Amino acid sequence: MGTSIHDLFPSNFLKAADLKGQRRTVTITKITREEVGKGKERKAVVYFVGVKKGLVLNKTNAVKIAKVTGSEDYTQWPGKKIVLVETEVEFKGDLTPAIRVTSPDGAGSAEDSEDTFPEDGDDVREPGSDDDIGDSENPFA
């Protein structure tokens, strides 16, 4: 276990602290619907090559992924590259860390960018895999 306060509150899903202040280029493997949070609400979750945790999608990030990949059809997203960045957003009157999506080339399409994300080897998720959704380890370590 690390020494950051974020290590005291493990999550099965990506959080801004997992990015460690760095931009991360990732390749989408699949999109699922999973029960999330204390209320067990079913939400869309996107998974990436070599990353143990998925990113719970909000509408802002889903719309941005559609723009970056060039498709609103999320079944067309696997294999496409996006960049995850840490930012601050206003939530209930306070600034809070969040993950946002951008294009690898800084423009509209992610088609031909080089994947700069370090893969975790045997933790690679393939489209349609039924692996467990991860553990409390930092997926970007």
N, C-alpha and C. Protein backbone atom coordinates (compact mmCIF):
# COMPACT_ATOMS: atom_id res chain seq x y z
N MET A 1 0.84 -1.18 0.00
CA MET A 1 0.00 0.00 0.00
C MET A 1 0.88 1.23 0.00
N GLY A 2 0.47 2.26 -0.76
CA GLY A 2 1.22 3.51 -0.82
C GLY A 2 0.96 4.37 0.39
N THR A 3 1.44 5.60 0.32
CA THR A 3 1.30 6.50 1.46
C THR A 3 0.40 7.70 1.18
N SER A 4 -0.23 7.73 0.03
CA SER A 4 -1.15 8.82 -0.31
C SER A 4 -2.49 8.58 0.37
N ILE A 5 -3.19 9.64 0.71
CA ILE A 5 -4.52 9.48 1.29
C ILE A 5 -5.45 8.76 0.31
N HIS A 6 -5.18 8.86 -0.99
CA HIS A 6 -6.01 8.19 -1.99
C HIS A 6 -5.89 6.67 -1.87
N ASP A 7 -4.76 6.19 -1.34
CA ASP A 7 -4.57 4.75 -1.13
C ASP A 7 -5.43 4.22 0.01
N LEU A 8 -5.92 5.12 0.86
CA LEU A 8 -6.78 4.72 1.98
C LEU A 8 -8.21 4.43 1.52
N PHE A 9 -8.55 4.86 0.30
CA PHE A 9 -9.90 4.72 -0.21
C PHE A 9 -9.87 4.05 -1.58
N PRO A 10 -9.57 2.75 -1.61
CA PRO A 10 -9.45 2.05 -2.89
C PRO A 10 -10.77 2.01 -3.64
N SER A 11 -10.67 1.93 -4.95
CA SER A 11 -11.83 1.89 -5.81
C SER A 11 -11.61 0.88 -6.92
N ASN A 12 -12.67 0.27 -7.38
CA ASN A 12 -12.60 -0.63 -8.52
C ASN A 12 -12.56 0.13 -9.84
N PHE A 13 -12.74 1.44 -9.78
CA PHE A 13 -12.80 2.26 -10.98
C PHE A 13 -11.74 3.35 -10.93
N LEU A 14 -11.36 3.84 -12.11
CA LEU A 14 -10.36 4.90 -12.19
C LEU A 14 -10.84 6.16 -11.49
N LYS A 15 -9.91 6.84 -10.86
CA LYS A 15 -10.18 8.14 -10.28
C LYS A 15 -9.04 9.07 -10.68
N ALA A 16 -9.24 10.35 -10.54
CA ALA A 16 -8.27 11.34 -10.99
C ALA A 16 -6.88 11.10 -10.39
N ALA A 17 -6.82 10.71 -9.13
CA ALA A 17 -5.52 10.49 -8.47
C ALA A 17 -4.71 9.39 -9.16
N ASP A 18 -5.38 8.44 -9.83
CA ASP A 18 -4.67 7.36 -10.52
C ASP A 18 -3.81 7.88 -11.66
N LEU A 19 -4.15 9.04 -12.20
CA LEU A 19 -3.37 9.60 -13.31
C LEU A 19 -2.05 10.22 -12.85
N LYS A 20 -1.92 10.47 -11.56
CA LYS A 20 -0.70 11.06 -11.00
C LYS A 20 -0.29 12.34 -11.73
N GLY A 21 -1.28 13.13 -12.12
CA GLY A 21 -1.01 14.41 -12.77
C GLY A 21 -0.52 14.30 -14.20
N GLN A 22 -0.54 13.13 -14.78
CA GLN A 22 -0.03 12.94 -16.14
C GLN A 22 -1.15 12.64 -17.12
N ARG A 23 -0.92 13.04 -18.38
CA ARG A 23 -1.82 12.65 -19.46
C ARG A 23 -1.53 11.19 -19.79
N ARG A 24 -2.56 10.39 -20.01
CA ARG A 24 -2.37 8.97 -20.32
C ARG A 24 -3.10 8.62 -21.61
N THR A 25 -2.36 8.20 -22.61
CA THR A 25 -2.96 7.73 -23.84
C THR A 25 -3.34 6.27 -23.64
N VAL A 26 -4.59 5.93 -23.91
CA VAL A 26 -5.10 4.58 -23.69
C VAL A 26 -5.88 4.13 -24.92
N THR A 27 -5.98 2.82 -25.09
CA THR A 27 -6.75 2.23 -26.17
C THR A 27 -7.96 1.53 -25.57
N ILE A 28 -9.12 1.87 -26.06
CA ILE A 28 -10.37 1.31 -25.55
C ILE A 28 -10.48 -0.16 -25.95
N THR A 29 -10.89 -1.01 -24.99
CA THR A 29 -11.12 -2.42 -25.30
C THR A 29 -12.60 -2.77 -25.30
N LYS A 30 -13.36 -2.21 -24.34
CA LYS A 30 -14.78 -2.53 -24.29
C LYS A 30 -15.53 -1.51 -23.45
N ILE A 31 -16.85 -1.51 -23.62
CA ILE A 31 -17.74 -0.69 -22.83
C ILE A 31 -18.78 -1.63 -22.24
N THR A 32 -18.99 -1.53 -20.93
CA THR A 32 -19.95 -2.39 -20.24
C THR A 32 -20.93 -1.53 -19.45
N ARG A 33 -21.94 -2.16 -18.89
CA ARG A 33 -22.82 -1.52 -17.92
C ARG A 33 -22.65 -2.29 -16.62
N GLU A 34 -22.34 -1.56 -15.55
CA GLU A 34 -22.06 -2.20 -14.27
C GLU A 34 -22.73 -1.43 -13.14
N GLU A 35 -22.94 -2.14 -12.03
CA GLU A 35 -23.48 -1.49 -10.84
C GLU A 35 -22.35 -0.71 -10.17
N VAL A 36 -22.61 0.56 -9.91
CA VAL A 36 -21.59 1.47 -9.39
C VAL A 36 -22.12 2.20 -8.16
N GLY A 37 -21.26 2.37 -7.18
CA GLY A 37 -21.58 3.18 -6.01
C GLY A 37 -22.44 2.47 -4.99
N LYS A 38 -22.72 3.19 -3.93
CA LYS A 38 -23.50 2.62 -2.82
C LYS A 38 -24.92 2.28 -3.25
N GLY A 39 -25.47 3.07 -4.17
CA GLY A 39 -26.82 2.82 -4.65
C GLY A 39 -26.89 1.77 -5.72
N LYS A 40 -25.73 1.24 -6.12
CA LYS A 40 -25.64 0.19 -7.14
C LYS A 40 -26.37 0.58 -8.43
N GLU A 41 -26.22 1.85 -8.81
CA GLU A 41 -26.80 2.33 -10.05
C GLU A 41 -26.01 1.76 -11.23
N ARG A 42 -26.71 1.30 -12.28
CA ARG A 42 -26.04 0.75 -13.46
C ARG A 42 -25.56 1.90 -14.34
N LYS A 43 -24.25 1.92 -14.58
CA LYS A 43 -23.64 2.97 -15.39
C LYS A 43 -22.73 2.36 -16.43
N ALA A 44 -22.45 3.13 -17.45
CA ALA A 44 -21.51 2.70 -18.49
C ALA A 44 -20.09 2.81 -17.95
N VAL A 45 -19.28 1.80 -18.25
CA VAL A 45 -17.88 1.77 -17.83
C VAL A 45 -17.05 1.42 -19.06
N VAL A 46 -16.00 2.19 -19.32
CA VAL A 46 -15.12 1.92 -20.46
C VAL A 46 -13.80 1.36 -19.92
N TYR A 47 -13.30 0.31 -20.59
CA TYR A 47 -12.05 -0.35 -20.20
C TYR A 47 -11.00 -0.14 -21.28
N PHE A 48 -9.72 -0.24 -20.85
CA PHE A 48 -8.60 0.06 -21.72
C PHE A 48 -7.56 -1.07 -21.71
N VAL A 49 -6.82 -1.18 -22.78
CA VAL A 49 -5.74 -2.15 -22.88
C VAL A 49 -4.76 -1.93 -21.73
N GLY A 50 -4.45 -3.00 -20.99
CA GLY A 50 -3.42 -2.95 -19.96
C GLY A 50 -3.78 -2.22 -18.69
N VAL A 51 -5.04 -1.81 -18.53
CA VAL A 51 -5.45 -1.06 -17.35
C VAL A 51 -6.44 -1.92 -16.57
N LYS A 52 -6.19 -2.10 -15.29
CA LYS A 52 -7.02 -2.97 -14.46
C LYS A 52 -8.40 -2.38 -14.17
N LYS A 53 -8.47 -1.08 -14.04
CA LYS A 53 -9.71 -0.42 -13.66
C LYS A 53 -10.36 0.22 -14.88
N GLY A 54 -11.69 0.28 -14.82
CA GLY A 54 -12.44 0.96 -15.87
C GLY A 54 -12.77 2.38 -15.46
N LEU A 55 -13.13 3.18 -16.44
CA LEU A 55 -13.55 4.56 -16.20
C LEU A 55 -15.08 4.62 -16.28
N VAL A 56 -15.70 4.99 -15.17
CA VAL A 56 -17.15 5.17 -15.17
C VAL A 56 -17.45 6.39 -16.04
N LEU A 57 -18.29 6.19 -17.04
CA LEU A 57 -18.57 7.29 -17.98
C LEU A 57 -19.65 8.21 -17.45
N ASN A 58 -19.38 9.49 -17.57
CA ASN A 58 -20.42 10.49 -17.40
C ASN A 58 -20.75 11.01 -18.80
N LYS A 59 -21.77 11.80 -18.92
CA LYS A 59 -22.19 12.26 -20.25
C LYS A 59 -21.10 13.10 -20.92
N THR A 60 -20.42 13.95 -20.14
CA THR A 60 -19.36 14.79 -20.70
C THR A 60 -18.28 13.94 -21.37
N ASN A 61 -17.79 12.92 -20.67
CA ASN A 61 -16.73 12.08 -21.24
C ASN A 61 -17.24 11.21 -22.38
N ALA A 62 -18.48 10.72 -22.30
CA ALA A 62 -19.04 9.91 -23.38
C ALA A 62 -19.16 10.73 -24.67
N VAL A 63 -19.65 11.96 -24.55
CA VAL A 63 -19.77 12.83 -25.72
C VAL A 63 -18.39 13.13 -26.30
N LYS A 64 -17.41 13.36 -25.44
CA LYS A 64 -16.05 13.65 -25.91
C LYS A 64 -15.43 12.43 -26.60
N ILE A 65 -15.64 11.22 -26.04
CA ILE A 65 -15.12 10.02 -26.69
C ILE A 65 -15.76 9.86 -28.07
N ALA A 66 -17.06 10.10 -28.17
CA ALA A 66 -17.74 10.02 -29.46
C ALA A 66 -17.11 10.99 -30.46
N LYS A 67 -16.79 12.19 -30.01
CA LYS A 67 -16.18 13.18 -30.89
C LYS A 67 -14.77 12.74 -31.31
N VAL A 68 -13.97 12.29 -30.35
CA VAL A 68 -12.59 11.89 -30.62
C VAL A 68 -12.53 10.67 -31.53
N THR A 69 -13.42 9.70 -31.31
CA THR A 69 -13.41 8.47 -32.11
C THR A 69 -14.14 8.63 -33.43
N GLY A 70 -14.93 9.69 -33.54
CA GLY A 70 -15.67 9.91 -34.77
C GLY A 70 -16.95 9.09 -34.86
N SER A 71 -17.41 8.54 -33.72
CA SER A 71 -18.62 7.72 -33.75
C SER A 71 -19.41 7.84 -32.46
N GLU A 72 -20.72 8.08 -32.59
CA GLU A 72 -21.59 8.04 -31.43
C GLU A 72 -21.98 6.60 -31.09
N ASP A 73 -21.67 5.66 -31.97
CA ASP A 73 -21.93 4.24 -31.75
C ASP A 73 -20.81 3.67 -30.90
N TYR A 74 -21.07 3.46 -29.61
CA TYR A 74 -20.01 3.03 -28.71
C TYR A 74 -19.48 1.64 -29.04
N THR A 75 -20.18 0.86 -29.83
CA THR A 75 -19.64 -0.44 -30.24
C THR A 75 -18.49 -0.26 -31.23
N GLN A 76 -18.33 0.94 -31.73
CA GLN A 76 -17.21 1.25 -32.64
C GLN A 76 -15.99 1.79 -31.91
N TRP A 77 -16.08 2.00 -30.60
CA TRP A 77 -14.97 2.58 -29.84
C TRP A 77 -13.81 1.63 -29.57
N PRO A 78 -14.03 0.32 -29.36
CA PRO A 78 -12.87 -0.54 -29.10
C PRO A 78 -11.81 -0.43 -30.20
N GLY A 79 -10.54 -0.35 -29.75
CA GLY A 79 -9.43 -0.17 -30.67
C GLY A 79 -9.04 1.28 -30.88
N LYS A 80 -9.87 2.21 -30.47
CA LYS A 80 -9.59 3.64 -30.64
C LYS A 80 -8.80 4.17 -29.45
N LYS A 81 -7.95 5.14 -29.72
CA LYS A 81 -7.12 5.76 -28.68
C LYS A 81 -7.74 7.08 -28.24
N ILE A 82 -7.65 7.30 -26.92
CA ILE A 82 -8.06 8.58 -26.32
C ILE A 82 -7.00 8.94 -25.29
N VAL A 83 -7.07 10.17 -24.79
CA VAL A 83 -6.16 10.61 -23.73
C VAL A 83 -7.00 10.96 -22.50
N LEU A 84 -6.56 10.44 -21.36
CA LEU A 84 -7.19 10.77 -20.08
C LEU A 84 -6.34 11.84 -19.39
N VAL A 85 -6.99 12.89 -18.91
CA VAL A 85 -6.28 13.97 -18.22
C VAL A 85 -6.99 14.27 -16.91
N GLU A 86 -6.22 14.68 -15.93
CA GLU A 86 -6.77 15.09 -14.64
C GLU A 86 -7.05 16.58 -14.69
N THR A 87 -8.20 16.96 -14.19
CA THR A 87 -8.57 18.36 -14.12
C THR A 87 -9.42 18.58 -12.88
N GLU A 88 -9.79 19.81 -12.63
CA GLU A 88 -10.71 20.12 -11.55
C GLU A 88 -12.02 20.58 -12.15
N VAL A 89 -13.11 20.11 -11.57
CA VAL A 89 -14.44 20.52 -12.01
C VAL A 89 -15.24 20.97 -10.79
N GLU A 90 -16.24 21.79 -11.03
CA GLU A 90 -17.10 22.22 -9.94
C GLU A 90 -18.17 21.16 -9.70
N PHE A 91 -18.29 20.74 -8.45
CA PHE A 91 -19.30 19.77 -8.07
C PHE A 91 -19.91 20.21 -6.75
N LYS A 92 -21.19 20.50 -6.77
CA LYS A 92 -21.91 20.97 -5.58
C LYS A 92 -21.21 22.15 -4.92
N GLY A 93 -20.72 23.08 -5.75
CA GLY A 93 -20.12 24.30 -5.25
C GLY A 93 -18.65 24.22 -4.90
N ASP A 94 -18.06 23.03 -4.97
CA ASP A 94 -16.64 22.87 -4.65
C ASP A 94 -15.88 22.38 -5.87
N LEU A 95 -14.59 22.72 -5.94
CA LEU A 95 -13.74 22.18 -6.98
C LEU A 95 -13.27 20.79 -6.54
N THR A 96 -13.39 19.84 -7.45
CA THR A 96 -13.01 18.47 -7.14
C THR A 96 -12.24 17.88 -8.31
N PRO A 97 -11.26 17.00 -8.05
CA PRO A 97 -10.50 16.38 -9.14
C PRO A 97 -11.40 15.47 -9.98
N ALA A 98 -11.15 15.47 -11.28
CA ALA A 98 -11.93 14.63 -12.19
C ALA A 98 -11.06 14.20 -13.36
N ILE A 99 -11.50 13.15 -14.04
CA ILE A 99 -10.84 12.71 -15.27
C ILE A 99 -11.66 13.22 -16.44
N ARG A 100 -10.98 13.78 -17.41
CA ARG A 100 -11.61 14.22 -18.66
C ARG A 100 -10.88 13.56 -19.82
N VAL A 101 -11.57 13.50 -20.95
CA VAL A 101 -11.06 12.85 -22.15
C VAL A 101 -10.69 13.92 -23.18
N THR A 102 -9.59 13.66 -23.89
CA THR A 102 -9.19 14.51 -25.00
C THR A 102 -8.62 13.63 -26.10
N SER A 103 -8.28 14.25 -27.21
CA SER A 103 -7.75 13.54 -28.36
C SER A 103 -6.23 13.40 -28.27
N PRO A 104 -5.67 12.27 -28.68
CA PRO A 104 -4.21 12.10 -28.64
C PRO A 104 -3.47 13.13 -29.50
N ASP A 105 -4.09 13.55 -30.60
CA ASP A 105 -3.41 14.49 -31.48
C ASP A 105 -3.81 15.94 -31.21
N GLY A 106 -4.61 16.14 -30.19
CA GLY A 106 -5.03 17.49 -29.83
C GLY A 106 -6.12 18.04 -30.73
N ALA A 107 -6.54 17.25 -31.74
CA ALA A 107 -7.59 17.68 -32.66
C ALA A 107 -8.82 16.80 -32.46
N GLY A 108 -9.45 16.40 -33.55
CA GLY A 108 -10.70 15.65 -33.47
C GLY A 108 -10.58 14.15 -33.45
N SER A 109 -9.65 13.55 -34.18
CA SER A 109 -9.64 12.10 -34.35
C SER A 109 -8.46 11.45 -33.65
N ALA A 110 -8.67 10.24 -33.14
CA ALA A 110 -7.62 9.49 -32.45
C ALA A 110 -7.07 8.37 -33.32
N GLU A 111 -7.37 8.35 -34.60
CA GLU A 111 -7.05 7.23 -35.48
C GLU A 111 -5.58 6.83 -35.51
N ASP A 112 -4.66 7.75 -35.76
CA ASP A 112 -3.29 7.38 -36.08
C ASP A 112 -2.25 7.79 -35.04
N SER A 113 -2.66 7.99 -33.79
CA SER A 113 -1.70 8.39 -32.76
C SER A 113 -0.96 7.19 -32.19
N GLU A 114 0.26 7.42 -31.73
CA GLU A 114 1.05 6.36 -31.08
C GLU A 114 0.56 6.19 -29.65
N ASP A 115 0.40 4.95 -29.21
CA ASP A 115 -0.05 4.66 -27.85
C ASP A 115 1.13 4.79 -26.90
N THR A 116 1.08 5.77 -26.00
CA THR A 116 2.19 6.02 -25.09
C THR A 116 1.94 5.46 -23.70
N PHE A 117 0.85 4.73 -23.53
CA PHE A 117 0.51 4.19 -22.22
C PHE A 117 1.31 2.92 -21.96
N PRO A 118 1.98 2.81 -20.80
CA PRO A 118 2.71 1.59 -20.47
C PRO A 118 1.73 0.48 -20.10
N GLU A 119 1.76 -0.62 -20.83
CA GLU A 119 0.83 -1.72 -20.58
C GLU A 119 1.28 -2.56 -19.40
N ASP A 120 0.31 -3.21 -18.74
CA ASP A 120 0.57 -4.03 -17.57
C ASP A 120 0.74 -5.51 -17.91
N GLY A 121 1.00 -5.84 -19.17
CA GLY A 121 1.26 -7.22 -19.56
C GLY A 121 0.07 -8.12 -19.43
N ASP A 122 0.09 -9.06 -18.47
CA ASP A 122 -0.95 -10.06 -18.38
C ASP A 122 -2.28 -9.53 -17.87
N ASP A 123 -2.41 -8.25 -17.63
CA ASP A 123 -3.68 -7.68 -17.21
C ASP A 123 -4.44 -7.03 -18.36
N VAL A 124 -4.03 -7.33 -19.58
CA VAL A 124 -4.68 -6.75 -20.75
C VAL A 124 -6.10 -7.29 -20.87
N ARG A 125 -7.05 -6.40 -21.06
CA ARG A 125 -8.44 -6.79 -21.23
C ARG A 125 -8.76 -6.79 -22.71
N GLU A 126 -9.36 -7.85 -23.17
CA GLU A 126 -9.79 -7.95 -24.55
C GLU A 126 -11.29 -7.67 -24.62
N PRO A 127 -11.77 -7.20 -25.77
CA PRO A 127 -13.21 -6.99 -25.90
C PRO A 127 -13.96 -8.27 -25.57
N GLY A 128 -15.00 -8.14 -24.73
CA GLY A 128 -15.82 -9.28 -24.37
C GLY A 128 -15.29 -10.12 -23.22
N SER A 129 -14.15 -9.73 -22.62
CA SER A 129 -13.61 -10.53 -21.52
C SER A 129 -14.50 -10.40 -20.30
N ASP A 130 -14.50 -11.42 -19.46
CA ASP A 130 -15.32 -11.42 -18.26
C ASP A 130 -14.48 -11.32 -17.00
N ASP A 131 -13.32 -10.69 -17.09
CA ASP A 131 -12.42 -10.58 -15.95
C ASP A 131 -13.07 -9.79 -14.83
N ASP A 132 -12.59 -10.01 -13.61
CA ASP A 132 -13.02 -9.18 -12.50
C ASP A 132 -12.61 -7.75 -12.80
N ILE A 133 -13.27 -6.79 -12.17
CA ILE A 133 -13.04 -5.41 -12.52
C ILE A 133 -11.87 -4.77 -11.80
N GLY A 134 -11.00 -5.52 -11.21
CA GLY A 134 -9.77 -4.93 -10.69
C GLY A 134 -9.65 -5.04 -9.19
N ASP A 135 -8.64 -4.34 -8.69
CA ASP A 135 -8.35 -4.34 -7.27
C ASP A 135 -7.98 -2.94 -6.85
N SER A 136 -7.43 -2.79 -5.66
CA SER A 136 -7.14 -1.46 -5.14
C SER A 136 -5.78 -0.93 -5.61
N GLU A 137 -5.05 -1.69 -6.43
CA GLU A 137 -3.75 -1.20 -6.90
C GLU A 137 -3.96 -0.02 -7.84
N ASN A 138 -2.99 0.85 -7.88
CA ASN A 138 -3.00 1.96 -8.81
C ASN A 138 -2.75 1.40 -10.22
N PRO A 139 -3.68 1.55 -11.14
CA PRO A 139 -3.53 0.95 -12.46
C PRO A 139 -2.46 1.64 -13.31
N PHE A 140 -1.99 2.78 -12.88
CA PHE A 140 -0.98 3.51 -13.67
C PHE A 140 0.40 3.45 -13.02
N ALA A 141 0.57 2.59 -12.01
CA ALA A 141 1.86 2.49 -11.31
C ALA A 141 2.93 1.92 -12.22
